[in-house]
Protein backbone atom coordinates (compact mmCIF):
# COMPACT_ATOMS: atom_id res chain seq x y z
CA MET A 1 3.48 -11.26 -39.57
CA THR A 2 1.37 -8.24 -40.55
CA LEU A 3 0.14 -7.80 -36.97
CA THR A 4 3.73 -7.86 -35.74
CA ILE A 5 4.78 -5.11 -38.14
CA LEU A 6 1.69 -3.06 -37.36
CA SER A 7 2.22 -3.40 -33.62
CA ALA A 8 5.86 -2.39 -34.02
CA VAL A 9 4.87 0.72 -35.97
CA LEU A 10 2.20 1.61 -33.42
CA GLY A 11 4.67 1.05 -30.60
CA LEU A 12 7.11 3.41 -32.29
CA VAL A 13 4.42 6.07 -32.70
CA LEU A 14 3.45 5.71 -29.04
CA ALA A 15 7.10 5.94 -28.00
CA ILE A 16 7.55 9.17 -29.97
CA ALA A 17 4.39 10.58 -28.38
CA LEU A 18 5.69 9.50 -24.97
CA VAL A 19 8.95 11.37 -25.47
CA LEU A 20 7.20 14.52 -26.71
CA ALA A 21 4.67 14.52 -23.86
CA GLY A 22 7.46 13.89 -21.36
CA TRP A 23 9.39 16.82 -22.76
CA ARG A 24 6.32 19.03 -22.43
CA MET A 25 5.81 17.89 -18.86
CA VAL A 26 9.38 18.76 -17.92
CA ARG A 27 9.66 22.01 -19.90
CA GLY A 28 6.04 23.15 -19.82
CA PRO A 29 5.67 26.88 -19.39
CA GLY A 30 2.84 26.62 -16.89
CA PHE A 31 1.18 24.33 -14.40
CA ALA A 32 -1.78 23.66 -16.68
CA ASP A 33 0.52 22.60 -19.52
CA ARG A 34 2.25 20.12 -17.25
CA VAL A 35 -1.07 18.69 -16.08
CA ILE A 36 -2.19 18.22 -19.67
CA ALA A 37 1.13 16.54 -20.46
CA LEU A 38 0.64 14.19 -17.52
CA ASP A 39 -2.84 13.41 -18.82
CA MET A 40 -1.32 12.66 -22.21
CA LEU A 41 1.30 10.39 -20.65
CA THR A 42 -1.34 8.30 -18.95
CA ALA A 43 -3.33 8.11 -22.18
CA ILE A 44 -0.20 6.82 -23.90
CA ALA A 45 0.17 4.23 -21.13
CA VAL A 46 -3.39 3.10 -21.88
CA GLY A 47 -2.41 2.80 -25.53
CA PHE A 48 0.65 0.72 -24.67
CA ALA A 49 -1.44 -1.60 -22.47
CA ALA A 50 -4.08 -2.02 -25.18
CA LEU A 51 -1.42 -2.66 -27.82
CA THR A 52 0.20 -5.25 -25.58
CA ALA A 53 -3.18 -6.92 -25.05
CA VAL A 54 -3.77 -7.15 -28.79
CA THR A 55 -0.24 -8.34 -29.51
CA THR A 56 -0.02 -10.98 -26.78
CA GLY A 57 -3.68 -11.96 -26.65
CA ARG A 58 -3.83 -11.62 -22.88
CA GLY A 59 -6.95 -9.92 -21.57
CA ALA A 60 -5.31 -8.87 -18.31
CA PHE A 61 -3.66 -5.97 -20.11
CA LEU A 62 -7.10 -4.62 -21.00
CA ASP A 63 -7.95 -4.62 -17.30
CA ILE A 64 -4.78 -2.66 -16.65
CA ALA A 65 -5.69 -0.22 -19.44
CA LEU A 66 -9.15 0.24 -17.96
CA GLY A 67 -7.72 0.87 -14.49
CA ILE A 68 -5.24 3.42 -15.77
CA ALA A 69 -7.99 5.17 -17.77
CA LEU A 70 -10.26 5.40 -14.73
CA ILE A 71 -7.49 6.77 -12.52
CA ASN A 72 -6.57 9.22 -15.27
CA PHE A 73 -10.16 10.44 -15.51
CA VAL A 74 -10.46 11.05 -11.77
CA ALA A 75 -7.05 12.74 -11.64
CA THR A 76 -7.95 15.03 -14.53
CA LEU A 77 -11.17 16.04 -12.79
CA ALA A 78 -9.27 16.74 -9.58
CA PHE A 79 -6.67 18.87 -11.36
CA ALA A 80 -9.36 20.79 -13.24
CA ALA A 81 -11.20 21.51 -9.99
CA PHE A 82 -7.93 22.61 -8.40
CA LEU A 83 -7.12 24.95 -11.27
CA GLU A 84 -10.64 26.39 -11.24
CA ARG A 85 -10.45 26.99 -7.49
CA LYS A 86 -7.03 28.59 -7.88
CA ARG A 87 -8.37 30.92 -10.57
CA ARG A 88 -11.21 32.16 -8.32
CA GLU A 89 -8.86 33.13 -5.51
CA PRO A 90 -7.56 36.68 -5.80
C-alpha cells in the first residue's frame, strides 16, 4: 500500500516534469534550449521506466531504461558536437 502511494506520487512528479520539459521544448527560445529539453524528456522516460520496473517487479523495464539512457547519452554527445561545430563556423 505504501509503495503504491509512493509510486503514484512519483508518477505525478514525473508527469509534471514531462509537461514542463515539453513546454520548454516547444517554446524554447533557442536551439540549445530545445536540445536540453529533449535531453530532459528522455531522462524523464528513464524515470518512468524505472518506476514501472519497481512497481510491477518486471526487470525488462530496467533494460528499457538502460537502452533509453544509452541512446540519450549518445544523442547528447552528438548535439553538443554539432553545437560546438556550429559555433566555430563564422
